[in-house]
C-alpha atoms as a PDB file:
ATOM      1  CA  MET A   1      14.620 -10.461   9.520  1.00  0.00           C
ATOM      2  CA  ARG A   2      15.484  -7.469   7.347  1.00  0.00           C
ATOM      3  CA  VAL A   3      12.812  -6.012   5.134  1.00  0.00           C
ATOM      4  CA  LEU A   4      13.037  -2.985   2.800  1.00  0.00           C
ATOM      5  CA  GLY A   5       9.628  -1.734   1.753  1.00  0.00           C
ATOM      6  CA  PHE A   6       8.355   1.377  -0.156  1.00  0.00           C
ATOM      7  CA  ASP A   7       5.234   2.810  -1.587  1.00  0.00           C
ATOM      8  CA  THR A   8       4.656   5.143  -4.579  1.00  0.00           C
ATOM      9  CA  THR A   9       0.986   4.350  -5.644  1.00  0.00           C
ATOM     10  CA  THR A  10      -0.625   7.569  -4.481  1.00  0.00           C
ATOM     11  CA  ASP A  11       0.002  11.179  -3.379  1.00  0.00           C
ATOM     12  CA  ALA A  12       2.966  10.204  -1.141  1.00  0.00           C
ATOM     13  CA  CYS A  13       6.447   8.459  -1.280  1.00  0.00           C
ATOM     14  CA  SER A  14       7.513   6.463   1.541  1.00  0.00           C
ATOM     15  CA  ALA A  15      10.238   3.985   2.479  1.00  0.00           C
ATOM     16  CA  ALA A  16      11.039   2.065   5.639  1.00  0.00           C
ATOM     17  CA  VAL A  17      13.190  -0.773   6.868  1.00  0.00           C
ATOM     18  CA  TRP A  18      12.149  -3.426   9.326  1.00  0.00           C
ATOM     19  CA  ARG A  19      15.044  -5.125  11.181  1.00  0.00           C
ATOM     20  CA  GLY A  20      14.678  -7.804  13.761  1.00  0.00           C
ATOM     21  CA  ASP A  21      11.286  -7.418  15.143  1.00  0.00           C
ATOM     22  CA  CYS A  22      10.725  -3.657  15.015  1.00  0.00           C
ATOM     23  CA  LEU A  23      10.724  -0.681  12.527  1.00  0.00           C
ATOM     24  CA  ALA A  24      14.427   0.676  12.260  1.00  0.00           C
ATOM     25  CA  ALA A  25      13.930   3.576   9.822  1.00  0.00           C
ATOM     26  CA  HIS A  26      11.129   5.384   7.971  1.00  0.00           C
ATOM     27  CA  ARG A  27      10.475   8.218   5.637  1.00  0.00           C
ATOM     28  CA  PHE A  28       7.258   9.641   4.496  1.00  0.00           C
ATOM     29  CA  GLU A  29       6.615  12.631   2.082  1.00  0.00           C
ATOM     30  CA  THR A  30       3.366  13.747   0.565  1.00  0.00           C
ATOM     31  CA  LEU A  31       3.840  14.876  -3.119  1.00  0.00           C
ATOM     32  CA  ARG A  32       1.706  14.664  -6.169  1.00  0.00           C
ATOM     33  CA  ARG A  33       4.779  14.311  -8.631  1.00  0.00           C
ATOM     34  CA  GLY A  34       8.415  13.511  -8.407  1.00  0.00           C
ATOM     35  CA  HIS A  35       8.151   9.951  -6.887  1.00  0.00           C
ATOM     36  CA  VAL A  36      10.923   8.635  -9.131  1.00  0.00           C
ATOM     37  CA  GLU A  37      13.268  11.420  -8.084  1.00  0.00           C
ATOM     38  CA  ARG A  38      12.552  10.895  -4.376  1.00  0.00           C
ATOM     39  CA  LEU A  39      12.336   7.137  -4.222  1.00  0.00           C
ATOM     40  CA  VAL A  40      16.055   6.077  -4.513  1.00  0.00           C
ATOM     41  CA  PRO A  41      17.422   8.885  -2.191  1.00  0.00           C
ATOM     42  CA  MET A  42      14.606   7.891   0.416  1.00  0.00           C
ATOM     43  CA  VAL A  43      15.760   4.293   0.031  1.00  0.00           C
ATOM     44  CA  THR A  44      19.312   5.106   0.604  1.00  0.00           C
ATOM     45  CA  ASP A  45      18.482   7.091   3.660  1.00  0.00           C
ATOM     46  CA  VAL A  46      16.344   4.450   5.422  1.00  0.00           C
ATOM     47  CA  MET A  47      19.140   1.776   4.682  1.00  0.00           C
ATOM     48  CA  ALA A  48      21.747   3.934   6.002  1.00  0.00           C
ATOM     49  CA  GLU A  49      19.977   4.895   9.177  1.00  0.00           C
ATOM     50  CA  ALA A  50      18.941   1.299   9.720  1.00  0.00           C
ATOM     51  CA  GLY A  51      22.588  -0.117   9.135  1.00  0.00           C
ATOM     52  CA  VAL A  52      21.718  -2.617   6.387  1.00  0.00           C
ATOM     53  CA  GLY A  53      22.863  -3.097   2.782  1.00  0.00           C
ATOM     54  CA  PHE A  54      21.080  -4.758   0.098  1.00  0.00           C
ATOM     55  CA  GLU A  55      23.351  -7.774   0.552  1.00  0.00           C
ATOM     56  CA  THR A  56      21.911  -8.259   4.099  1.00  0.00           C
ATOM     57  CA  LEU A  57      18.192  -7.917   3.135  1.00  0.00           C
ATOM     58  CA  ASP A  58      15.763 -10.787   3.301  1.00  0.00           C
ATOM     59  CA  LEU A  59      12.979  -9.434   1.558  1.00  0.00           C
ATOM     60  CA  ILE A  60      11.876  -6.359  -0.508  1.00  0.00           C
ATOM     61  CA  ALA A  61       8.131  -5.426  -0.043  1.00  0.00           C
ATOM     62  CA  VAL A  62       6.298  -3.067  -2.432  1.00  0.00           C
ATOM     63  CA  THR A  63       2.780  -1.811  -2.910  1.00  0.00           C
ATOM     64  CA  THR A  64       1.218  -3.197  -6.135  1.00  0.00           C
ATOM     65  CA  GLY A  65      -1.762  -0.706  -6.368  1.00  0.00           C
ATOM     66  CA  PRO A  66      -4.399   0.333  -7.047  1.00  0.00           C
ATOM     67  CA  GLY A  67      -3.388   4.049  -7.281  1.00  0.00           C
ATOM     68  CA  THR A  68      -1.848   6.090 -10.136  1.00  0.00           C
ATOM     69  CA  PHE A  69      -0.536   4.277 -13.122  1.00  0.00           C
ATOM     70  CA  THR A  70       2.787   6.085 -13.119  1.00  0.00           C
ATOM     71  CA  GLY A  71       3.265   5.496  -9.236  1.00  0.00           C
ATOM     72  CA  ILE A  72       2.548   1.826  -9.527  1.00  0.00           C
ATOM     73  CA  ARG A  73       5.148   1.258 -12.306  1.00  0.00           C
ATOM     74  CA  ILE A  74       7.737   3.384 -10.432  1.00  0.00           C
ATOM     75  CA  GLY A  75       7.520   1.148  -7.397  1.00  0.00           C
ATOM     76  CA  LEU A  76       7.313  -2.168  -9.016  1.00  0.00           C
ATOM     77  CA  ALA A  77      10.188  -1.380 -11.701  1.00  0.00           C
ATOM     78  CA  ALA A  78      12.365  -0.279  -8.572  1.00  0.00           C
ATOM     79  CA  ALA A  79      11.474  -3.371  -6.405  1.00  0.00           C
ATOM     80  CA  ARG A  80      12.324  -5.604  -9.455  1.00  0.00           C
ATOM     81  CA  GLY A  81      15.571  -3.794 -10.155  1.00  0.00           C
ATOM     82  CA  PHE A  82      16.660  -3.926  -6.615  1.00  0.00           C
ATOM     83  CA  GLY A  83      15.630  -7.676  -6.179  1.00  0.00           C
ATOM     84  CA  LEU A  84      17.459  -8.600  -9.469  1.00  0.00           C
ATOM     85  CA  ALA A  85      20.535  -6.796  -8.461  1.00  0.00           C
ATOM     86  CA  ALA A  86      20.800  -8.137  -4.767  1.00  0.00           C
ATOM     87  CA  SER A  87      19.177 -11.441  -5.492  1.00  0.00           C
ATOM     88  CA  VAL A  88      16.457 -10.680  -2.922  1.00  0.00           C
ATOM     89  CA  PRO A  89      12.771 -11.979  -3.124  1.00  0.00           C
ATOM     90  CA  VAL A  90      10.108  -9.335  -3.761  1.00  0.00           C
ATOM     91  CA  ALA A  91       6.673  -9.439  -2.026  1.00  0.00           C
ATOM     92  CA  GLY A  92       3.669  -7.282  -3.291  1.00  0.00           C
ATOM     93  CA  LEU A  93       0.853  -6.157  -1.043  1.00  0.00           C
ATOM     94  CA  THR A  94      -1.977  -3.882  -2.125  1.00  0.00           C
ATOM     95  CA  SER A  95      -2.376  -0.358  -1.212  1.00  0.00           C
ATOM     96  CA  LEU A  96      -5.848  -0.986   0.120  1.00  0.00           C
ATOM     97  CA  GLU A  97      -4.518  -3.854   2.423  1.00  0.00           C
ATOM     98  CA  VAL A  98      -1.917  -1.440   3.823  1.00  0.00           C
ATOM     99  CA  LEU A  99      -4.520   1.302   4.527  1.00  0.00           C
ATOM    100  CA  ALA A 100      -6.653  -1.292   6.139  1.00  0.00           C
ATOM    101  CA  ALA A 101      -3.887  -2.691   8.316  1.00  0.00           C
ATOM    102  CA  ALA A 102      -3.142   0.867   9.631  1.00  0.00           C
ATOM    103  CA  ALA A 103      -6.724   1.318  10.498  1.00  0.00           C
ATOM    104  CA  CYS A 104      -6.947  -2.109  12.243  1.00  0.00           C
ATOM    105  CA  ALA A 105      -3.927  -1.272  14.284  1.00  0.00           C
ATOM    106  CA  THR A 106      -5.077   2.166  15.577  1.00  0.00           C
ATOM    107  CA  GLY A 107      -8.884   2.260  15.356  1.00  0.00           C
ATOM    108  CA  ASP A 108     -11.949   0.925  16.842  1.00  0.00           C
ATOM    109  CA  GLN A 109     -11.413  -2.855  17.017  1.00  0.00           C
ATOM    110  CA  GLY A 110     -15.132  -3.474  16.798  1.00  0.00           C
ATOM    111  CA  ARG A 111     -15.677  -1.690  13.428  1.00  0.00           C
ATOM    112  CA  GLY A 112     -15.193  -3.193  10.011  1.00  0.00           C
ATOM    113  CA  ILE A 113     -12.799  -1.378   7.735  1.00  0.00           C
ATOM    114  CA  ILE A 114     -13.413   0.293   4.419  1.00  0.00           C
ATOM    115  CA  ALA A 115     -10.108   1.126   2.399  1.00  0.00           C
ATOM    116  CA  ALA A 116     -10.966   3.615  -0.283  1.00  0.00           C
ATOM    117  CA  ILE A 117      -8.730   5.583  -2.514  1.00  0.00           C
ATOM    118  CA  ASP A 118      -9.925   8.384  -4.751  1.00  0.00           C
ATOM    119  CA  ALA A 119      -9.859   7.182  -8.188  1.00  0.00           C
ATOM    120  CA  ARG A 120     -11.330  10.458  -9.621  1.00  0.00           C
ATOM    121  CA  ARG A 121     -13.969  10.540 -12.266  1.00  0.00           C
ATOM    122  CA  GLY A 122     -16.626   9.821  -9.683  1.00  0.00           C
ATOM    123  CA  GLN A 123     -15.076   6.582  -8.570  1.00  0.00           C
ATOM    124  CA  ILE A 124     -13.123   5.134  -5.876  1.00  0.00           C
ATOM    125  CA  TYR A 125     -10.828   1.917  -5.562  1.00  0.00           C
ATOM    126  CA  ARG A 126     -12.399   0.038  -2.649  1.00  0.00           C
ATOM    127  CA  GLN A 127     -11.899  -3.086  -0.459  1.00  0.00           C
ATOM    128  CA  ALA A 128     -13.871  -3.866   2.639  1.00  0.00           C
ATOM    129  CA  PHE A 129     -12.659  -6.063   5.525  1.00  0.00           C
ATOM    130  CA  ASP A 130     -14.264  -7.258   8.736  1.00  0.00           C
ATOM    131  CA  ALA A 131     -12.771  -6.196  12.136  1.00  0.00           C
ATOM    132  CA  ALA A 132     -10.325  -9.024  11.995  1.00  0.00           C
ATOM    133  CA  MET A 133      -9.040  -7.951   8.595  1.00  0.00           C
ATOM    134  CA  THR A 134     -10.626 -10.705   6.499  1.00  0.00           C
ATOM    135  CA  PRO A 135     -11.538  -9.441   3.168  1.00  0.00           C
ATOM    136  CA  LEU A 136     -15.088  -9.133   2.441  1.00  0.00           C
ATOM    137  CA  GLU A 137     -14.621  -8.423  -1.414  1.00  0.00           C
ATOM    138  CA  ALA A 138     -11.868  -8.309  -3.781  1.00  0.00           C
ATOM    139  CA  PRO A 139     -10.260  -4.858  -4.606  1.00  0.00           C
ATOM    140  CA  CYS A 140     -12.754  -3.143  -7.003  1.00  0.00           C
ATOM    141  CA  VAL A 141     -13.845   0.093  -8.604  1.00  0.00           C
ATOM    142  CA  ALA A 142     -16.906   1.614  -7.165  1.00  0.00           C
ATOM    143  CA  ALA A 143     -18.925   4.851  -7.812  1.00  0.00           C
ATOM    144  CA  GLN A 144     -18.577   7.501  -5.295  1.00  0.00           C
ATOM    145  CA  ASP A 145     -22.430   7.353  -4.378  1.00  0.00           C
ATOM    146  CA  ALA A 146     -22.525   3.387  -4.131  1.00  0.00           C
ATOM    147  CA  ALA A 147     -24.184   2.122  -1.095  1.00  0.00           C
ATOM    148  CA  LEU A 148     -22.363  -0.125   1.158  1.00  0.00           C
ATOM    149  CA  PRO A 149     -23.757  -3.655   0.821  1.00  0.00           C
ATOM    150  CA  TRP A 150     -23.013  -4.826   4.561  1.00  0.00           C
ATOM    151  CA  PRO A 151     -24.633  -3.774   7.608  1.00  0.00           C
ATOM    152  CA  GLY A 152     -22.810  -2.925  10.717  1.00  0.00           C
ATOM    153  CA  ARG A 153     -20.326  -0.346  12.142  1.00  0.00           C
ATOM    154  CA  TRP A 154     -17.446   0.860   9.918  1.00  0.00           C
ATOM    155  CA  GLN A 155     -14.285   3.005   9.950  1.00  0.00           C
ATOM    156  CA  ALA A 156     -13.533   4.208   6.414  1.00  0.00           C
ATOM    157  CA  VAL A 157      -9.774   5.112   5.543  1.00  0.00           C
ATOM    158  CA  GLY A 158      -7.856   6.285   2.574  1.00  0.00           C
ATOM    159  CA  SER A 159      -8.112   9.353   0.296  1.00  0.00           C
ATOM    160  CA  GLY A 160     -11.619   8.170  -0.919  1.00  0.00           C
ATOM    161  CA  ALA A 161     -13.049   7.748   2.576  1.00  0.00           C
ATOM    162  CA  PHE A 162     -14.743  10.885   2.338  1.00  0.00           C
ATOM    163  CA  VAL A 163     -17.511   9.390   0.188  1.00  0.00           C
ATOM    164  CA  TYR A 164     -19.043   7.637   3.137  1.00  0.00           C
ATOM    165  CA  GLY A 165     -18.958  10.588   5.575  1.00  0.00           C
ATOM    166  CA  ALA A 166     -22.741  10.940   5.404  1.00  0.00           C
ATOM    167  CA  LEU A 167     -23.688   7.317   6.068  1.00  0.00           C
ATOM    168  CA  PRO A 168     -24.741   6.371   9.504  1.00  0.00           C
ATOM    169  CA  ASP A 169     -22.349   4.156  11.634  1.00  0.00           C
ATOM    170  CA  VAL A 170     -19.337   5.095   9.487  1.00  0.00           C
ATOM    171  CA  GLU A 171     -16.446   6.757  11.090  1.00  0.00           C
ATOM    172  CA  VAL A 172     -14.171   8.593   8.473  1.00  0.00           C
ATOM    173  CA  ARG A 173     -10.487   8.396   9.667  1.00  0.00           C
ATOM    174  CA  GLU A 174      -8.747  11.626   8.592  1.00  0.00           C
ATOM    175  CA  ASP A 175      -5.503  10.245  10.129  1.00  0.00           C
ATOM    176  CA  VAL A 176      -5.062   7.205   7.659  1.00  0.00           C
ATOM    177  CA  ARG A 177      -5.263   8.807   4.070  1.00  0.00           C
ATOM    178  CA  LEU A 178      -2.255   7.353   2.373  1.00  0.00           C
ATOM    179  CA  PRO A 179      -0.458   4.065   2.241  1.00  0.00           C
ATOM    180  CA  ASP A 180       2.699   4.204   4.317  1.00  0.00           C
ATOM    181  CA  ALA A 181       5.864   1.813   4.052  1.00  0.00           C
ATOM    182  CA  ALA A 182       6.079   1.638   7.597  1.00  0.00           C
ATOM    183  CA  VAL A 183       2.828  -0.315   7.756  1.00  0.00           C
ATOM    184  CA  LEU A 184       3.979  -2.193   4.697  1.00  0.00           C
ATOM    185  CA  VAL A 185       7.264  -3.658   6.098  1.00  0.00           C
ATOM    186  CA  ALA A 186       5.386  -4.702   9.332  1.00  0.00           C
ATOM    187  CA  MET A 187       2.727  -6.642   7.241  1.00  0.00           C
ATOM    188  CA  ALA A 188       5.525  -8.283   5.316  1.00  0.00           C
ATOM    189  CA  TYR A 189       7.413  -9.263   8.310  1.00  0.00           C
ATOM    190  CA  ARG A 190       4.262 -10.815   9.960  1.00  0.00           C
ATOM    191  CA  ARG A 191       3.319 -12.588   6.591  1.00  0.00           C
ATOM    192  CA  PHE A 192       6.861 -13.821   5.717  1.00  0.00           C
ATOM    193  CA  GLY A 193       9.028 -13.768   8.900  1.00  0.00           C
ATOM    194  CA  SER A 194       7.751 -16.946  10.510  1.00  0.00           C
ATOM    195  CA  PRO A 195      10.329 -19.826  10.757  1.00  0.00           C
ATOM    196  CA  GLY A 196       9.929 -21.945   7.695  1.00  0.00           C
ATOM    197  CA  GLU A 197       7.664 -19.421   5.819  1.00  0.00           C
ATOM    198  CA  GLU A 198       8.221 -19.696   2.051  1.00  0.00           C
ATOM    199  CA  MET A 199       9.421 -16.347   0.358  1.00  0.00           C
ATOM    200  CA  PRO A 200       7.902 -15.168  -2.872  1.00  0.00           C
ATOM    201  CA  THR A 201       9.374 -16.858  -5.824  1.00  0.00           C
ATOM    202  CA  THR A 202       7.825 -14.385  -8.591  1.00  0.00           C
ATOM    203  CA  TYR A 203       7.730 -10.731  -8.925  1.00  0.00           C
ATOM    204  CA  PRO A 204       4.444  -9.138  -8.110  1.00  0.00           C
ATOM    205  CA  ALA A 205       2.084  -7.821 -10.801  1.00  0.00           C
ATOM    206  CA  PRO A 206       0.477  -4.378 -10.901  1.00  0.00           C
ATOM    207  CA  LEU A 207      -3.002  -4.064  -9.569  1.00  0.00           C
ATOM    208  CA  TYR A 208      -4.591  -1.314 -11.860  1.00  0.00           C
ATOM    209  CA  LEU A 209      -8.299  -2.069 -11.762  1.00  0.00           C
ATOM    210  CA  ARG A 210      -8.967   0.514 -14.332  1.00  0.00           C
ATOM    211  CA  ALA A 211      -7.686   1.523 -17.764  1.00  0.00           C
ATOM    212  CA  PRO A 212      -5.315   4.610 -17.958  1.00  0.00           C
ATOM    213  CA  ASP A 213      -6.959   8.109 -17.592  1.00  0.00           C
ATOM    214  CA  ALA A 214      -4.815   9.497 -20.528  1.00  0.00           C
ATOM    215  CA  ASP A 215      -6.431   8.937 -24.014  1.00  0.00           C
ATOM    216  CA  LEU A 216      -4.242   6.707 -26.349  1.00  0.00           C
ATOM    217  CA  PRO A 217      -3.561   8.037 -29.932  1.00  0.00           C
ATOM    218  CA  GLU A 218      -5.706   6.766 -32.684  1.00  0.00           C
ATOM    219  CA  GLN A 219      -4.268   4.016 -34.836  1.00  0.00           C
ATOM    220  CA  VAL A 220      -3.568   5.159 -38.321  1.00  0.00           C
END
């Protein structure tokens, strides 16, 4: 199976290609702005390195948010454009799922996972999972001082994980801060790569969770 995946939802831009049963190419850059300028060259690089073309792809995977509004829109628009041009299905996974999957693969297998993205304004985007990656809640907006409603041992990942650093039994993972397309394509392969598994038939929708930070002009 050949999967192209990319993420532009937070303070990073990444792209990756999964070919067969392994990661074939990967790029990751930390940046606050400039995702739209970096994404296409990054996609071009990973596809060339992996030796695949759009006509040979089985699936395109993209993160749907939460994250920055501009970043979410950039990724989804690119995925839709590539998908339409090449007649390739597009799958969407949340940035919180991708963070949690990275933690699950590399962390303490006995701990639950809190994926948290700094949403600023005293808030985080959050989703909690048990140690087997079963969601315990839907993606949500939470106050940075909100208590965890679940007992147990946890690992917190993402740019918002710092808010749980003072809590007992919570390990804050500094090595998993931003979503990465390398994790995204592996997840897409596991989810859609089994024989007979149905591919997505509609384009993914954005997951914003909160209204834009920018003030809209007053109506006259």
